[in-house]
């Protein structure tokens, strides 16, 4: 057992760093996934709001121009 102990002690830091690397990369990937889902939900909400606004016809978009300009 004494002849194996130096080898085990030599590989423990590598296993520790590998485990730390795994959890860091895993958390980065999960955070990216959650951010993409949140972005998709935000865009869908705004698309629905824009569609409801376009269908209501209550207000004109200044970027599109006014419908009362004689065209």
Protein backbone atom coordinates (compact mmCIF):
# COMPACT_ATOMS: atom_id res chain seq x y z
CA UNK A 1 0.00 0.00 0.00
CA UNK A 2 2.88 2.36 0.68
CA UNK A 3 4.09 2.00 -2.90
CA UNK A 4 0.67 3.00 -4.30
CA UNK A 5 0.11 6.04 -2.07
CA UNK A 6 2.47 8.44 -3.95
CA UNK A 7 0.69 7.65 -7.22
CA UNK A 8 -2.74 8.21 -5.70
CA UNK A 9 -1.60 11.49 -4.16
CA UNK A 10 -0.17 12.56 -7.51
CA UNK A 11 -3.44 12.01 -9.36
CA UNK A 12 -5.79 13.55 -6.74
CA UNK A 13 -5.12 17.19 -7.82
CA UNK A 14 -5.79 16.26 -11.44
CA UNK A 15 -9.10 14.65 -10.51
CA UNK A 16 -10.01 17.68 -8.39
CA UNK A 17 -9.26 20.16 -11.18
CA UNK A 18 -11.12 17.97 -13.68
CA UNK A 19 -14.17 17.87 -11.41
CA UNK A 20 -14.06 21.63 -10.91
CA UNK A 21 -13.73 22.15 -14.67
CA UNK A 22 -16.73 19.88 -15.28
CA UNK A 23 -18.98 21.82 -12.89
CA UNK A 24 -17.86 25.21 -14.23
CA UNK A 25 -18.54 24.24 -17.85
CA UNK A 26 -21.85 22.62 -16.86
CA UNK A 27 -23.02 25.78 -15.10
CA UNK A 28 -21.97 27.95 -18.07
CA UNK A 29 -23.91 25.76 -20.50
CA UNK A 30 -27.00 25.65 -18.28
CA UNK A 31 -26.88 29.41 -17.82
CA UNK A 32 -26.68 29.89 -21.57
CA UNK A 33 -29.64 27.55 -22.07
CA UNK A 34 -31.72 29.43 -19.49
CA UNK A 35 -30.80 32.76 -21.04
CA UNK A 36 -31.82 31.56 -24.52
CA UNK A 37 -35.17 30.35 -23.16
CA UNK A 38 -35.75 33.66 -21.39
CA UNK A 39 -34.85 35.57 -24.56
CA UNK A 40 -37.26 33.44 -26.60
CA UNK A 41 -40.06 34.04 -24.08
CA UNK A 42 -39.35 37.79 -24.08
CA UNK A 43 -39.38 37.93 -27.89
CA UNK A 44 -42.60 35.90 -28.07
CA UNK A 45 -44.27 38.23 -25.57
CA UNK A 46 -43.24 41.29 -27.53
CA UNK A 47 -44.24 39.70 -30.84
CA UNK A 48 -47.70 38.98 -29.42
CA UNK A 49 -47.95 42.55 -28.12
CA UNK A 50 -46.89 43.93 -31.51
CA UNK A 51 -49.38 41.69 -33.31
CA UNK A 52 -52.18 42.80 -30.99
CA UNK A 53 -51.16 46.41 -31.52
CA UNK A 54 -51.10 45.99 -35.31
CA UNK A 55 -54.54 44.36 -35.35
CA UNK A 56 -56.15 46.94 -33.09
CA UNK A 57 -55.37 49.89 -35.39
CA UNK A 58 -55.77 52.34 -32.51
CA UNK A 59 -52.48 54.14 -32.97
CA UNK A 60 -50.18 54.64 -35.91
CA UNK A 61 -46.51 53.78 -35.74
CA UNK A 62 -44.49 56.99 -36.33
CA UNK A 63 -41.89 55.02 -38.26
CA UNK A 64 -44.53 53.88 -40.77
CA UNK A 65 -46.05 57.27 -41.29
CA UNK A 66 -49.48 58.57 -40.64
CA UNK A 67 -52.55 57.36 -42.52
CA UNK A 68 -53.96 60.90 -42.53
CA UNK A 69 -51.35 62.24 -44.97
CA UNK A 70 -53.64 61.73 -48.01
CA UNK A 71 -52.19 58.47 -49.34
